[in-house]
Amino acid sequence: MNQPQLVEYDKIFNKKIPIIPPPPPPVIKKDNTPLFFNICCILILILGVFLLVKRNEDKDKNQRKYREKINKIYNEIQLN
């Protein structure tokens, strides 16, 4: 009996290459929350600085009004 001849299947048939689908493009999701938070904080700071400057400017006017009221009350007391 003759031994059967072995067949090299690699030479006859190509190996099946597994098909790898290309990876999907990454989905870039923009989150604008930090931007809006920073804008709100900057607006609050600007408003605070504006109010402090206005308060400082009105300080002299308020002191004059206060002194006028005190003088008026003092003069009314002196007349009576």
Protein backbone atom coordinates (compact mmCIF):
# COMPACT_ATOMS: atom_id res chain seq x y z
CA MET A 1 0.00 0.00 0.00
CA ASN A 2 1.11 3.35 -0.88
CA GLN A 3 0.82 6.14 1.62
CA PRO A 4 -1.38 8.93 0.50
CA GLN A 5 0.36 12.11 -0.51
CA LEU A 6 -0.37 14.96 1.79
CA VAL A 7 -1.73 18.12 0.25
CA GLU A 8 -0.53 21.50 1.38
CA TYR A 9 -3.72 23.46 1.52
CA ASP A 10 -1.86 26.72 2.20
CA LYS A 11 -0.44 26.68 -1.30
CA ILE A 12 -3.70 25.80 -2.98
CA PHE A 13 -6.17 27.90 -1.04
CA ASN A 14 -5.56 31.39 0.26
CA LYS A 15 -6.10 31.91 3.92
CA LYS A 16 -9.25 33.73 4.77
CA ILE A 17 -8.39 37.15 6.07
CA PRO A 18 -10.90 38.32 8.61
CA ILE A 19 -12.63 41.47 7.48
CA ILE A 20 -12.15 44.20 10.04
CA PRO A 21 -14.57 47.06 9.52
CA PRO A 22 -12.98 50.49 9.72
CA PRO A 23 -13.50 52.13 13.08
CA PRO A 24 -16.25 54.71 13.08
CA PRO A 25 -15.05 58.29 13.22
CA PRO A 26 -15.04 59.62 16.77
CA VAL A 27 -18.04 61.71 17.61
CA ILE A 28 -16.86 65.03 18.96
CA LYS A 29 -19.42 66.37 21.34
CA LYS A 30 -18.98 69.97 22.40
CA ASP A 31 -20.05 70.83 25.90
CA ASN A 32 -20.44 74.58 26.24
CA THR A 33 -21.33 74.54 29.94
CA PRO A 34 -17.88 75.68 31.17
CA LEU A 35 -17.90 78.51 28.64
CA PHE A 36 -21.32 79.75 29.76
CA PHE A 37 -20.31 79.43 33.42
CA ASN A 38 -17.17 81.51 32.82
CA ILE A 39 -19.12 84.17 30.91
CA CYS A 40 -21.67 84.40 33.75
CA CYS A 41 -18.89 84.73 36.34
CA ILE A 42 -17.19 87.48 34.33
CA LEU A 43 -20.50 89.36 34.01
CA ILE A 44 -21.09 89.09 37.77
CA LEU A 45 -17.57 90.42 38.46
CA ILE A 46 -18.08 93.35 36.05
CA LEU A 47 -21.42 94.14 37.68
CA GLY A 48 -19.84 94.01 41.15
CA VAL A 49 -17.01 96.37 40.15
CA PHE A 50 -19.54 98.73 38.56
CA LEU A 51 -21.65 98.80 41.72
CA LEU A 52 -18.60 99.44 43.93
CA VAL A 53 -17.47 102.35 41.74
CA LYS A 54 -20.98 103.82 41.73
CA ARG A 55 -21.21 103.44 45.51
CA ASN A 56 -17.88 105.23 45.93
CA GLU A 57 -19.03 108.09 43.68
CA ASP A 58 -22.33 108.44 45.55
CA LYS A 59 -20.56 108.44 48.92
CA ASP A 60 -19.77 112.18 48.77
CA LYS A 61 -23.31 113.05 47.67
CA ASN A 62 -24.81 111.00 50.49
CA GLN A 63 -22.50 112.62 53.07
CA ARG A 64 -23.56 116.11 51.88
CA LYS A 65 -27.24 115.17 52.09
CA TYR A 66 -26.70 113.72 55.58
CA ARG A 67 -24.94 116.89 56.79
CA GLU A 68 -27.68 119.09 55.33
CA LYS A 69 -30.32 117.07 57.18
CA ILE A 70 -28.37 117.28 60.44
CA ASN A 71 -27.91 121.06 60.02
CA LYS A 72 -31.59 121.46 59.23
CA ILE A 73 -32.62 119.48 62.32
CA TYR A 74 -30.07 121.37 64.47
CA ASN A 75 -31.38 124.74 63.21
CA GLU A 76 -34.97 123.71 63.90
CA ILE A 77 -34.03 122.71 67.44
CA GLN A 78 -32.16 126.00 68.02
CA LEU A 79 -35.13 128.06 66.82
CA ASN A 80 -37.56 126.38 69.19
